[in-house]
N, C-alpha and C. Protein backbone atom coordinates (compact mmCIF):
# COMPACT_ATOMS: atom_id res chain seq x y z
N MET A 1 0.85 -1.21 0.00
CA MET A 1 0.00 0.00 0.00
C MET A 1 0.87 1.24 0.00
N ASN A 2 0.52 2.21 -0.82
CA ASN A 2 1.23 3.49 -0.82
C ASN A 2 0.92 4.22 0.47
N LEU A 3 1.97 4.57 1.23
CA LEU A 3 1.76 5.21 2.53
C LEU A 3 1.04 6.54 2.39
N ALA A 4 1.18 7.21 1.26
CA ALA A 4 0.57 8.53 1.08
C ALA A 4 -0.91 8.45 0.79
N THR A 5 -1.44 7.24 0.55
CA THR A 5 -2.84 7.12 0.18
C THR A 5 -3.61 6.25 1.16
N ALA A 6 -3.25 6.30 2.44
CA ALA A 6 -3.98 5.57 3.47
C ALA A 6 -5.42 6.06 3.48
N PRO A 7 -6.38 5.18 3.73
CA PRO A 7 -7.79 5.57 3.63
C PRO A 7 -8.19 6.60 4.67
N ALA A 8 -9.06 7.51 4.25
CA ALA A 8 -9.74 8.46 5.16
C ALA A 8 -8.77 9.37 5.90
N ARG A 9 -7.63 9.66 5.29
CA ARG A 9 -6.66 10.50 5.99
C ARG A 9 -7.11 11.95 6.02
N VAL A 10 -6.98 12.59 7.19
CA VAL A 10 -7.28 14.01 7.36
C VAL A 10 -5.95 14.76 7.38
N PRO A 11 -5.81 15.85 6.64
CA PRO A 11 -4.53 16.55 6.63
C PRO A 11 -4.23 17.23 7.96
N ILE A 12 -2.96 17.52 8.16
CA ILE A 12 -2.55 18.30 9.32
C ILE A 12 -3.19 19.69 9.22
N PRO A 13 -3.82 20.18 10.27
CA PRO A 13 -4.43 21.51 10.20
C PRO A 13 -3.41 22.60 9.84
N GLU A 14 -3.86 23.57 9.06
CA GLU A 14 -2.99 24.67 8.68
C GLU A 14 -2.47 25.41 9.91
N ALA A 15 -3.29 25.46 10.95
CA ALA A 15 -2.85 26.15 12.18
C ALA A 15 -1.58 25.53 12.74
N VAL A 16 -1.41 24.24 12.55
CA VAL A 16 -0.20 23.55 13.02
C VAL A 16 0.93 23.72 12.03
N LEU A 17 0.63 23.57 10.75
CA LEU A 17 1.68 23.64 9.74
C LEU A 17 2.30 25.03 9.66
N GLU A 18 1.48 26.07 9.77
CA GLU A 18 1.98 27.43 9.61
C GLU A 18 2.90 27.84 10.76
N SER A 19 2.51 27.48 11.99
CA SER A 19 3.33 27.87 13.15
C SER A 19 4.34 26.81 13.53
N ARG A 20 4.12 25.58 13.05
CA ARG A 20 4.96 24.42 13.40
C ARG A 20 4.97 24.18 14.90
N LEU A 21 3.84 24.53 15.54
CA LEU A 21 3.77 24.45 17.00
C LEU A 21 2.39 24.04 17.47
N ILE A 22 2.34 23.10 18.42
CA ILE A 22 1.14 22.82 19.19
C ILE A 22 1.48 23.14 20.65
N ALA A 23 0.71 24.03 21.26
CA ALA A 23 0.87 24.33 22.68
C ALA A 23 0.08 23.30 23.48
N ILE A 24 0.70 22.76 24.52
CA ILE A 24 0.04 21.76 25.37
C ILE A 24 -0.25 22.38 26.72
N GLY A 25 -1.50 22.28 27.15
CA GLY A 25 -1.89 22.73 28.47
C GLY A 25 -2.22 21.54 29.35
N ARG A 26 -1.40 21.30 30.35
CA ARG A 26 -1.63 20.17 31.26
C ARG A 26 -1.66 20.71 32.69
N GLY A 27 -2.75 20.45 33.40
CA GLY A 27 -2.84 20.85 34.79
C GLY A 27 -2.97 22.35 35.00
N LEU A 28 -3.45 23.07 34.01
CA LEU A 28 -3.61 24.51 34.15
C LEU A 28 -4.89 24.84 34.92
N ASP A 29 -4.93 26.02 35.50
CA ASP A 29 -6.10 26.48 36.24
C ASP A 29 -7.26 26.66 35.26
N PRO A 30 -8.33 25.88 35.39
CA PRO A 30 -9.43 26.00 34.43
C PRO A 30 -10.09 27.37 34.44
N ALA A 31 -9.99 28.09 35.56
CA ALA A 31 -10.57 29.42 35.62
C ALA A 31 -9.79 30.43 34.78
N ARG A 32 -8.55 30.09 34.43
CA ARG A 32 -7.72 31.01 33.65
C ARG A 32 -7.45 30.50 32.23
N ILE A 33 -8.14 29.43 31.84
CA ILE A 33 -7.80 28.78 30.58
C ILE A 33 -8.04 29.68 29.39
N VAL A 34 -9.10 30.48 29.41
CA VAL A 34 -9.35 31.39 28.29
C VAL A 34 -8.29 32.48 28.25
N GLU A 35 -7.92 32.99 29.41
CA GLU A 35 -6.86 34.00 29.48
C GLU A 35 -5.55 33.42 28.95
N ILE A 36 -5.27 32.17 29.27
CA ILE A 36 -4.06 31.51 28.76
C ILE A 36 -4.15 31.33 27.25
N GLY A 37 -5.33 30.95 26.76
CA GLY A 37 -5.53 30.83 25.33
C GLY A 37 -5.30 32.16 24.62
N GLU A 38 -5.77 33.23 25.22
CA GLU A 38 -5.56 34.57 24.64
C GLU A 38 -4.08 34.93 24.63
N ALA A 39 -3.35 34.53 25.68
CA ALA A 39 -1.92 34.79 25.73
C ALA A 39 -1.18 34.02 24.63
N LEU A 40 -1.55 32.77 24.43
CA LEU A 40 -0.94 31.98 23.36
C LEU A 40 -1.21 32.62 22.01
N HIS A 41 -2.46 33.01 21.79
CA HIS A 41 -2.83 33.64 20.53
C HIS A 41 -2.05 34.93 20.32
N ALA A 42 -1.93 35.73 21.36
CA ALA A 42 -1.19 36.98 21.25
C ALA A 42 0.28 36.74 20.93
N GLY A 43 0.81 35.61 21.38
CA GLY A 43 2.20 35.26 21.11
C GLY A 43 2.42 34.60 19.77
N GLY A 44 1.34 34.32 19.04
CA GLY A 44 1.46 33.74 17.71
C GLY A 44 1.14 32.27 17.61
N ALA A 45 0.86 31.61 18.72
CA ALA A 45 0.47 30.19 18.68
C ALA A 45 -0.92 30.08 18.07
N ARG A 46 -1.16 29.01 17.33
CA ARG A 46 -2.44 28.85 16.65
C ARG A 46 -3.12 27.52 16.94
N ALA A 47 -2.49 26.68 17.75
CA ALA A 47 -3.10 25.39 18.11
C ALA A 47 -2.82 25.12 19.59
N PHE A 48 -3.88 24.76 20.32
CA PHE A 48 -3.78 24.59 21.77
C PHE A 48 -4.46 23.29 22.16
N GLU A 49 -3.67 22.39 22.71
CA GLU A 49 -4.15 21.07 23.16
C GLU A 49 -4.30 21.08 24.68
N VAL A 50 -5.50 20.78 25.15
CA VAL A 50 -5.76 20.65 26.59
C VAL A 50 -5.83 19.16 26.91
N THR A 51 -5.00 18.70 27.83
CA THR A 51 -4.96 17.28 28.13
C THR A 51 -6.11 16.88 29.05
N LEU A 52 -6.61 15.68 28.82
CA LEU A 52 -7.77 15.21 29.58
C LEU A 52 -7.44 14.85 31.02
N ASN A 53 -6.16 14.72 31.35
CA ASN A 53 -5.82 14.48 32.75
C ASN A 53 -5.61 15.79 33.51
N SER A 54 -6.22 16.85 33.00
CA SER A 54 -6.26 18.14 33.69
C SER A 54 -7.61 18.30 34.37
N ARG A 55 -7.65 19.08 35.42
CA ARG A 55 -8.90 19.31 36.13
C ARG A 55 -9.89 20.05 35.23
N ASP A 56 -11.14 19.55 35.22
CA ASP A 56 -12.22 20.17 34.45
C ASP A 56 -11.83 20.36 32.99
N ALA A 57 -11.18 19.35 32.41
CA ALA A 57 -10.68 19.48 31.05
C ALA A 57 -11.78 19.72 30.03
N LEU A 58 -12.89 19.01 30.15
CA LEU A 58 -13.97 19.19 29.18
C LEU A 58 -14.54 20.59 29.24
N ALA A 59 -14.70 21.13 30.45
CA ALA A 59 -15.20 22.50 30.58
C ALA A 59 -14.20 23.49 30.00
N ALA A 60 -12.90 23.22 30.18
CA ALA A 60 -11.88 24.10 29.63
C ALA A 60 -11.90 24.08 28.11
N ILE A 61 -12.03 22.90 27.53
CA ILE A 61 -12.11 22.79 26.07
C ILE A 61 -13.34 23.53 25.55
N ARG A 62 -14.45 23.36 26.24
CA ARG A 62 -15.68 24.03 25.81
C ARG A 62 -15.54 25.54 25.89
N ALA A 63 -14.92 26.04 26.95
CA ALA A 63 -14.73 27.49 27.10
C ALA A 63 -13.83 28.04 25.99
N LEU A 64 -12.78 27.32 25.68
CA LEU A 64 -11.88 27.77 24.61
C LEU A 64 -12.56 27.73 23.25
N ALA A 65 -13.32 26.66 23.01
CA ALA A 65 -14.02 26.54 21.72
C ALA A 65 -15.07 27.63 21.55
N ASP A 66 -15.67 28.05 22.65
CA ASP A 66 -16.64 29.15 22.60
C ASP A 66 -15.97 30.49 22.35
N ARG A 67 -14.74 30.64 22.86
CA ARG A 67 -14.05 31.92 22.77
C ARG A 67 -13.38 32.14 21.42
N PHE A 68 -12.80 31.08 20.84
CA PHE A 68 -11.99 31.25 19.64
C PHE A 68 -12.60 30.57 18.43
N VAL A 69 -12.61 31.27 17.32
CA VAL A 69 -12.97 30.62 16.06
C VAL A 69 -11.73 29.89 15.56
N GLU A 70 -11.93 28.97 14.64
CA GLU A 70 -10.85 28.08 14.23
C GLU A 70 -9.65 28.83 13.67
N GLY A 71 -9.86 29.91 12.95
CA GLY A 71 -8.76 30.66 12.39
C GLY A 71 -7.93 31.40 13.41
N GLU A 72 -8.46 31.57 14.61
CA GLU A 72 -7.73 32.27 15.67
C GLU A 72 -6.88 31.30 16.48
N LEU A 73 -7.52 30.32 17.07
CA LEU A 73 -6.82 29.33 17.90
C LEU A 73 -7.57 28.01 17.78
N LEU A 74 -6.89 27.04 17.19
CA LEU A 74 -7.48 25.72 17.00
C LEU A 74 -7.39 24.95 18.31
N VAL A 75 -8.53 24.54 18.84
CA VAL A 75 -8.59 23.89 20.14
C VAL A 75 -8.65 22.39 19.97
N GLY A 76 -7.78 21.68 20.69
CA GLY A 76 -7.77 20.22 20.63
C GLY A 76 -7.71 19.61 22.02
N ALA A 77 -7.72 18.30 22.05
CA ALA A 77 -7.67 17.56 23.31
C ALA A 77 -6.54 16.55 23.27
N GLY A 78 -5.82 16.43 24.39
CA GLY A 78 -4.74 15.47 24.48
C GLY A 78 -5.02 14.41 25.54
N THR A 79 -4.16 13.39 25.57
CA THR A 79 -4.31 12.25 26.47
C THR A 79 -5.68 11.61 26.28
N VAL A 80 -6.08 11.49 25.02
CA VAL A 80 -7.34 10.84 24.67
C VAL A 80 -7.06 9.35 24.55
N LEU A 81 -7.58 8.57 25.49
CA LEU A 81 -7.18 7.17 25.60
C LEU A 81 -8.16 6.17 25.01
N ASP A 82 -9.40 6.59 24.79
CA ASP A 82 -10.38 5.64 24.28
C ASP A 82 -11.49 6.36 23.53
N LEU A 83 -12.40 5.58 22.95
CA LEU A 83 -13.46 6.15 22.13
C LEU A 83 -14.41 7.02 22.93
N ASP A 84 -14.74 6.61 24.15
CA ASP A 84 -15.64 7.43 24.98
C ASP A 84 -15.05 8.82 25.20
N ALA A 85 -13.76 8.86 25.48
CA ALA A 85 -13.10 10.15 25.70
C ALA A 85 -13.09 10.97 24.42
N ALA A 86 -12.84 10.31 23.29
CA ALA A 86 -12.82 11.01 22.01
C ALA A 86 -14.18 11.64 21.71
N GLU A 87 -15.24 10.89 21.92
CA GLU A 87 -16.58 11.41 21.67
C GLU A 87 -16.87 12.60 22.58
N ALA A 88 -16.43 12.51 23.82
CA ALA A 88 -16.70 13.58 24.78
C ALA A 88 -15.96 14.87 24.40
N VAL A 89 -14.70 14.76 23.99
CA VAL A 89 -13.95 15.98 23.67
C VAL A 89 -14.44 16.62 22.38
N VAL A 90 -14.82 15.81 21.42
CA VAL A 90 -15.36 16.37 20.18
C VAL A 90 -16.68 17.08 20.45
N SER A 91 -17.50 16.49 21.30
CA SER A 91 -18.76 17.13 21.67
C SER A 91 -18.52 18.45 22.39
N ALA A 92 -17.40 18.54 23.14
CA ALA A 92 -17.07 19.76 23.87
C ALA A 92 -16.48 20.84 22.97
N GLY A 93 -16.09 20.46 21.75
CA GLY A 93 -15.57 21.46 20.82
C GLY A 93 -14.16 21.24 20.33
N ALA A 94 -13.52 20.14 20.73
CA ALA A 94 -12.17 19.86 20.26
C ALA A 94 -12.18 19.61 18.76
N ARG A 95 -11.19 20.17 18.07
CA ARG A 95 -11.11 20.03 16.62
C ARG A 95 -9.93 19.15 16.18
N PHE A 96 -9.17 18.65 17.12
CA PHE A 96 -8.19 17.62 16.85
C PHE A 96 -7.96 16.85 18.14
N ILE A 97 -7.49 15.61 18.02
CA ILE A 97 -7.24 14.79 19.21
C ILE A 97 -5.82 14.25 19.16
N VAL A 98 -5.25 14.13 20.35
CA VAL A 98 -3.87 13.67 20.50
C VAL A 98 -3.85 12.55 21.52
N MET A 99 -3.06 11.52 21.23
CA MET A 99 -2.98 10.35 22.10
C MET A 99 -1.52 10.05 22.44
N PRO A 100 -1.25 9.49 23.61
CA PRO A 100 0.12 9.10 23.93
C PRO A 100 0.47 7.72 23.40
N HIS A 101 -0.46 7.08 22.69
CA HIS A 101 -0.29 5.69 22.27
C HIS A 101 -0.88 5.50 20.88
N ILE A 102 -0.71 4.27 20.36
CA ILE A 102 -1.31 3.91 19.09
C ILE A 102 -2.56 3.06 19.34
N ASP A 103 -3.68 3.55 18.88
CA ASP A 103 -4.94 2.81 18.91
C ASP A 103 -5.54 2.97 17.52
N ALA A 104 -5.32 1.98 16.67
CA ALA A 104 -5.72 2.09 15.26
C ALA A 104 -7.21 2.33 15.11
N ALA A 105 -8.02 1.69 15.95
CA ALA A 105 -9.47 1.87 15.84
C ALA A 105 -9.87 3.30 16.17
N LEU A 106 -9.23 3.88 17.17
CA LEU A 106 -9.54 5.26 17.56
C LEU A 106 -9.08 6.24 16.48
N VAL A 107 -7.90 6.02 15.93
CA VAL A 107 -7.42 6.87 14.85
C VAL A 107 -8.36 6.82 13.66
N SER A 108 -8.78 5.62 13.29
CA SER A 108 -9.69 5.46 12.16
C SER A 108 -11.03 6.12 12.43
N TRP A 109 -11.53 5.97 13.65
CA TRP A 109 -12.80 6.62 14.03
C TRP A 109 -12.72 8.12 13.80
N ALA A 110 -11.61 8.73 14.21
CA ALA A 110 -11.45 10.17 14.03
C ALA A 110 -11.32 10.52 12.56
N ALA A 111 -10.54 9.76 11.84
CA ALA A 111 -10.26 10.09 10.44
C ALA A 111 -11.52 10.08 9.59
N VAL A 112 -12.37 9.09 9.77
CA VAL A 112 -13.57 9.02 8.94
C VAL A 112 -14.56 10.12 9.29
N ARG A 113 -14.38 10.77 10.41
CA ARG A 113 -15.23 11.90 10.81
C ARG A 113 -14.58 13.25 10.52
N GLY A 114 -13.44 13.22 9.85
CA GLY A 114 -12.79 14.46 9.47
C GLY A 114 -12.05 15.14 10.60
N ILE A 115 -11.71 14.40 11.63
CA ILE A 115 -11.02 14.96 12.80
C ILE A 115 -9.56 14.56 12.76
N PRO A 116 -8.64 15.51 12.68
CA PRO A 116 -7.21 15.15 12.68
C PRO A 116 -6.83 14.45 13.98
N ALA A 117 -6.14 13.33 13.85
CA ALA A 117 -5.70 12.56 15.01
C ALA A 117 -4.18 12.46 14.99
N PHE A 118 -3.58 12.62 16.17
CA PHE A 118 -2.14 12.55 16.33
C PHE A 118 -1.83 11.48 17.37
N PRO A 119 -1.74 10.21 16.97
CA PRO A 119 -1.40 9.16 17.93
C PRO A 119 0.09 9.19 18.26
N GLY A 120 0.42 8.71 19.45
CA GLY A 120 1.80 8.73 19.90
C GLY A 120 2.51 7.41 19.62
N GLY A 121 3.64 7.49 18.96
CA GLY A 121 4.44 6.31 18.69
C GLY A 121 5.90 6.57 19.03
N PHE A 122 6.62 5.50 19.36
CA PHE A 122 8.02 5.63 19.77
C PHE A 122 8.97 4.84 18.88
N THR A 123 8.47 3.79 18.26
CA THR A 123 9.30 2.96 17.39
C THR A 123 8.81 3.08 15.95
N PRO A 124 9.65 2.74 14.97
CA PRO A 124 9.18 2.76 13.59
C PRO A 124 7.93 1.92 13.37
N THR A 125 7.85 0.77 14.03
CA THR A 125 6.67 -0.08 13.87
C THR A 125 5.42 0.61 14.38
N GLU A 126 5.50 1.24 15.55
CA GLU A 126 4.35 1.95 16.10
C GLU A 126 3.96 3.14 15.23
N ILE A 127 4.94 3.89 14.79
CA ILE A 127 4.66 5.07 13.97
C ILE A 127 3.99 4.67 12.67
N LEU A 128 4.49 3.64 12.03
CA LEU A 128 3.89 3.17 10.79
C LEU A 128 2.46 2.69 11.01
N ALA A 129 2.19 2.01 12.12
CA ALA A 129 0.84 1.54 12.42
C ALA A 129 -0.13 2.71 12.58
N GLY A 130 0.31 3.76 13.28
CA GLY A 130 -0.55 4.93 13.45
C GLY A 130 -0.82 5.63 12.14
N TRP A 131 0.18 5.73 11.29
CA TRP A 131 0.02 6.37 9.99
C TRP A 131 -0.94 5.58 9.11
N ARG A 132 -0.76 4.27 9.08
CA ARG A 132 -1.62 3.44 8.24
C ARG A 132 -3.07 3.45 8.72
N ALA A 133 -3.30 3.74 9.99
CA ALA A 133 -4.67 3.82 10.51
C ALA A 133 -5.38 5.10 10.07
N GLY A 134 -4.62 6.09 9.58
CA GLY A 134 -5.22 7.32 9.11
C GLY A 134 -4.83 8.56 9.88
N ALA A 135 -3.72 8.52 10.62
CA ALA A 135 -3.29 9.68 11.39
C ALA A 135 -2.98 10.86 10.47
N ALA A 136 -3.27 12.07 10.96
CA ALA A 136 -2.85 13.27 10.23
C ALA A 136 -1.33 13.39 10.29
N ALA A 137 -0.78 13.09 11.45
CA ALA A 137 0.67 13.00 11.68
C ALA A 137 0.82 12.12 12.91
N VAL A 138 2.00 11.64 13.13
CA VAL A 138 2.24 10.79 14.30
C VAL A 138 3.09 11.58 15.30
N LYS A 139 2.67 11.54 16.55
CA LYS A 139 3.40 12.20 17.62
C LYS A 139 4.56 11.31 18.06
N LEU A 140 5.78 11.78 17.86
CA LEU A 140 6.94 11.06 18.36
C LEU A 140 7.02 11.34 19.85
N PHE A 141 6.78 10.30 20.66
CA PHE A 141 6.67 10.49 22.10
C PHE A 141 7.28 9.30 22.85
N PRO A 142 8.12 9.58 23.86
CA PRO A 142 8.67 10.88 24.25
C PRO A 142 9.88 11.25 23.41
N ALA A 143 9.80 12.38 22.73
CA ALA A 143 10.83 12.77 21.77
C ALA A 143 12.17 13.02 22.44
N SER A 144 12.15 13.52 23.68
CA SER A 144 13.40 13.84 24.35
C SER A 144 14.25 12.60 24.61
N ALA A 145 13.62 11.43 24.60
CA ALA A 145 14.37 10.20 24.87
C ALA A 145 15.22 9.75 23.69
N VAL A 146 14.87 10.22 22.48
CA VAL A 146 15.61 9.79 21.30
C VAL A 146 16.29 10.94 20.58
N GLY A 147 15.79 12.15 20.73
CA GLY A 147 16.44 13.32 20.16
C GLY A 147 16.20 13.50 18.67
N PRO A 148 16.65 14.62 18.12
CA PRO A 148 16.44 14.92 16.71
C PRO A 148 17.05 13.90 15.76
N ALA A 149 18.09 13.22 16.18
CA ALA A 149 18.72 12.24 15.29
C ALA A 149 17.74 11.14 14.89
N PHE A 150 16.83 10.79 15.78
CA PHE A 150 15.84 9.77 15.44
C PHE A 150 15.00 10.24 14.27
N VAL A 151 14.55 11.49 14.30
CA VAL A 151 13.71 12.02 13.22
C VAL A 151 14.46 11.95 11.90
N ARG A 152 15.70 12.39 11.91
CA ARG A 152 16.50 12.40 10.68
C ARG A 152 16.64 10.99 10.11
N GLU A 153 16.95 10.03 10.97
CA GLU A 153 17.15 8.66 10.49
C GLU A 153 15.83 8.01 10.08
N PHE A 154 14.76 8.28 10.83
CA PHE A 154 13.47 7.68 10.52
C PHE A 154 12.96 8.12 9.15
N LEU A 155 13.15 9.40 8.82
CA LEU A 155 12.61 9.91 7.57
C LEU A 155 13.35 9.39 6.34
N GLY A 156 14.46 8.72 6.54
CA GLY A 156 15.13 8.09 5.42
C GLY A 156 14.24 7.06 4.75
N PRO A 157 13.81 6.01 5.46
CA PRO A 157 12.92 5.02 4.86
C PRO A 157 11.45 5.42 4.85
N PHE A 158 11.07 6.42 5.67
CA PHE A 158 9.65 6.79 5.77
C PHE A 158 9.45 8.29 5.54
N PRO A 159 9.81 8.81 4.37
CA PRO A 159 9.72 10.25 4.16
C PRO A 159 8.30 10.79 4.11
N GLU A 160 7.32 9.91 3.88
CA GLU A 160 5.93 10.36 3.76
C GLU A 160 5.26 10.62 5.10
N ILE A 161 5.86 10.13 6.20
CA ILE A 161 5.18 10.18 7.49
C ILE A 161 5.61 11.43 8.26
N PRO A 162 4.70 12.39 8.47
CA PRO A 162 5.06 13.57 9.25
C PRO A 162 5.07 13.27 10.75
N LEU A 163 6.07 13.80 11.43
CA LEU A 163 6.21 13.59 12.86
C LEU A 163 6.05 14.90 13.60
N VAL A 164 5.41 14.83 14.78
CA VAL A 164 5.31 15.96 15.69
C VAL A 164 6.08 15.58 16.94
N ALA A 165 7.20 16.22 17.17
CA ALA A 165 8.05 15.88 18.32
C ALA A 165 7.43 16.40 19.60
N THR A 166 7.22 15.51 20.56
CA THR A 166 6.49 15.83 21.78
C THR A 166 7.12 15.11 22.96
N GLY A 167 7.16 15.81 24.10
CA GLY A 167 7.64 15.18 25.33
C GLY A 167 9.02 15.66 25.71
N GLY A 168 9.08 16.61 26.66
CA GLY A 168 10.36 17.13 27.10
C GLY A 168 11.02 18.06 26.10
N VAL A 169 10.23 18.67 25.21
CA VAL A 169 10.78 19.54 24.18
C VAL A 169 10.73 20.99 24.65
N SER A 170 11.82 21.72 24.40
CA SER A 170 11.91 23.15 24.71
C SER A 170 12.06 23.92 23.40
N VAL A 171 12.17 25.22 23.49
CA VAL A 171 12.31 26.00 22.26
C VAL A 171 13.63 25.66 21.55
N GLU A 172 14.70 25.43 22.31
CA GLU A 172 15.98 25.11 21.69
C GLU A 172 15.95 23.74 21.01
N THR A 173 15.50 22.73 21.72
CA THR A 173 15.46 21.39 21.12
C THR A 173 14.37 21.31 20.06
N GLY A 174 13.32 22.11 20.22
CA GLY A 174 12.27 22.13 19.21
C GLY A 174 12.80 22.55 17.86
N ARG A 175 13.64 23.56 17.85
CA ARG A 175 14.24 23.99 16.59
C ARG A 175 15.09 22.88 15.98
N ALA A 176 15.81 22.15 16.82
CA ALA A 176 16.64 21.06 16.33
C ALA A 176 15.79 19.95 15.72
N PHE A 177 14.63 19.67 16.31
CA PHE A 177 13.73 18.66 15.74
C PHE A 177 13.20 19.11 14.39
N LEU A 178 12.87 20.39 14.26
CA LEU A 178 12.40 20.91 12.97
C LEU A 178 13.50 20.82 11.92
N ASP A 179 14.71 21.17 12.29
CA ASP A 179 15.82 21.08 11.36
C ASP A 179 16.09 19.64 10.93
N ALA A 180 15.77 18.69 11.82
CA ALA A 180 15.95 17.28 11.49
C ALA A 180 14.83 16.75 10.59
N GLY A 181 13.75 17.51 10.44
CA GLY A 181 12.69 17.10 9.53
C GLY A 181 11.31 16.96 10.13
N ALA A 182 11.14 17.22 11.43
CA ALA A 182 9.81 17.14 12.03
C ALA A 182 8.89 18.17 11.40
N ALA A 183 7.61 17.80 11.25
CA ALA A 183 6.63 18.73 10.69
C ALA A 183 6.28 19.83 11.67
N ALA A 184 6.32 19.51 12.95
CA ALA A 184 5.98 20.45 14.01
C ALA A 184 6.50 19.90 15.32
N VAL A 185 6.43 20.73 16.35
CA VAL A 185 6.76 20.28 17.69
C VAL A 185 5.63 20.68 18.63
N ALA A 186 5.52 19.99 19.74
CA ALA A 186 4.54 20.33 20.77
C ALA A 186 5.29 20.72 22.03
N LEU A 187 4.96 21.88 22.57
CA LEU A 187 5.62 22.38 23.76
C LEU A 187 4.63 22.40 24.92
N GLY A 188 5.02 21.76 26.01
CA GLY A 188 4.16 21.69 27.18
C GLY A 188 4.70 22.52 28.32
N SER A 189 5.43 21.90 29.23
CA SER A 189 5.85 22.57 30.45
C SER A 189 6.71 23.79 30.18
N TRP A 190 7.58 23.74 29.16
CA TRP A 190 8.42 24.90 28.86
C TRP A 190 7.55 26.11 28.51
N LEU A 191 6.48 25.88 27.78
CA LEU A 191 5.65 26.97 27.28
C LEU A 191 4.57 27.39 28.26
N THR A 192 3.85 26.44 28.81
CA THR A 192 2.65 26.78 29.60
C THR A 192 2.77 26.42 31.07
N GLY A 193 3.87 25.78 31.47
CA GLY A 193 3.97 25.25 32.83
C GLY A 193 3.85 26.28 33.93
N SER A 194 4.23 27.52 33.67
CA SER A 194 4.14 28.54 34.71
C SER A 194 2.70 28.88 35.05
N GLY A 195 1.79 28.70 34.09
CA GLY A 195 0.40 29.08 34.31
C GLY A 195 0.16 30.58 34.28
N ASP A 196 1.23 31.35 34.07
CA ASP A 196 1.13 32.81 34.06
C ASP A 196 0.95 33.30 32.63
N PRO A 197 -0.14 33.98 32.34
CA PRO A 197 -0.41 34.39 30.95
C PRO A 197 0.68 35.23 30.33
N GLU A 198 1.26 36.15 31.07
CA GLU A 198 2.30 37.00 30.47
C GLU A 198 3.55 36.21 30.13
N THR A 199 3.94 35.29 31.02
CA THR A 199 5.08 34.43 30.71
C THR A 199 4.78 33.55 29.51
N ILE A 200 3.57 33.04 29.45
CA ILE A 200 3.16 32.18 28.33
C ILE A 200 3.17 32.96 27.03
N ARG A 201 2.68 34.19 27.05
CA ARG A 201 2.70 35.01 25.84
C ARG A 201 4.13 35.25 25.37
N SER A 202 5.01 35.59 26.31
CA SER A 202 6.40 35.85 25.96
C SER A 202 7.08 34.61 25.38
N ARG A 203 6.84 33.47 25.99
CA ARG A 203 7.47 32.24 25.50
C ARG A 203 6.88 31.80 24.17
N ALA A 204 5.58 32.02 23.97
CA ALA A 204 4.98 31.70 22.67
C ALA A 204 5.61 32.55 21.58
N THR A 205 5.82 33.82 21.86
CA THR A 205 6.46 34.71 20.91
C THR A 205 7.86 34.23 20.58
N GLU A 206 8.60 33.83 21.62
CA GLU A 206 9.96 33.33 21.41
C GLU A 206 9.96 32.08 20.54
N ALA A 207 9.03 31.18 20.83
CA ALA A 207 8.97 29.93 20.06
C ALA A 207 8.61 30.19 18.60
N ILE A 208 7.60 31.00 18.37
CA ILE A 208 7.17 31.28 17.00
C ILE A 208 8.29 31.96 16.22
N THR A 209 8.99 32.89 16.85
CA THR A 209 10.10 33.57 16.19
C THR A 209 11.22 32.58 15.86
N THR A 210 11.52 31.70 16.80
CA THR A 210 12.58 30.72 16.59
C THR A 210 12.22 29.73 15.49
N PHE A 211 10.97 29.29 15.50
CA PHE A 211 10.55 28.28 14.52
C PHE A 211 10.28 28.86 13.15
N ALA A 212 10.11 30.18 13.05
CA ALA A 212 9.74 30.78 11.76
C ALA A 212 10.91 30.86 10.79
N ALA A 213 12.13 30.86 11.31
CA ALA A 213 13.29 30.93 10.42
C ALA A 213 13.31 29.70 9.51
N PRO A 214 13.84 29.83 8.31
CA PRO A 214 13.88 28.69 7.38
C PRO A 214 14.57 27.48 8.02
N VAL A 215 13.98 26.32 7.81
CA VAL A 215 14.59 25.10 8.33
C VAL A 215 15.86 24.80 7.56
N THR A 216 16.91 24.48 8.27
CA THR A 216 18.17 24.17 7.60
C THR A 216 18.08 22.82 6.91
N SER A 217 18.90 22.64 5.90
CA SER A 217 18.88 21.39 5.15
C SER A 217 19.36 20.24 6.03
N ARG A 218 18.71 19.10 5.89
CA ARG A 218 19.16 17.93 6.62
C ARG A 218 20.35 17.32 5.92
N PRO A 219 21.32 16.86 6.68
CA PRO A 219 22.49 16.23 6.04
C PRO A 219 22.11 14.90 5.42
């Protein structure tokens, strides 16, 4: 099977491709989630993933979806572990879903409904399985455990599979993953961990500026 023609594939959202960044919100104060979303938007971020292992995650996703139209800030859900969770977050307004694992049935469920899915894979076998199920891109997780060299080597035999480097990524290492060939990176604790909107805005600006420079050629 041609990897580029997997059935029911949904493309990576433009909000992710343009900024090459997904902001991850884990354990943030739900009362400040809209303010944090506004800070991310002001800093140039265009995609915001709220993890389901956060307090009042569904309410936070709903509040963000009510506040932002898709062209402003694309709202998604992370740590989506099963179909019940996927249905709940989509009903709350999530426009993409992210998983720390490969669940082919869940990826396919999202793809046939036009919802971009980013399953998490760590080995070439896992990444290929997620892609063949219909992933928009596969989340390399935890990316910090293998580093940018993994991306560079992986894309040799699998150039069609876009990777989003996630897990322990900072602005400095994020740039290195992009230079190695990642389609985007996801920043969590480095970007949003403070919970302070002004700090988050400043760091989002730094990340977008750093990632906007042309990607260097891979060796």
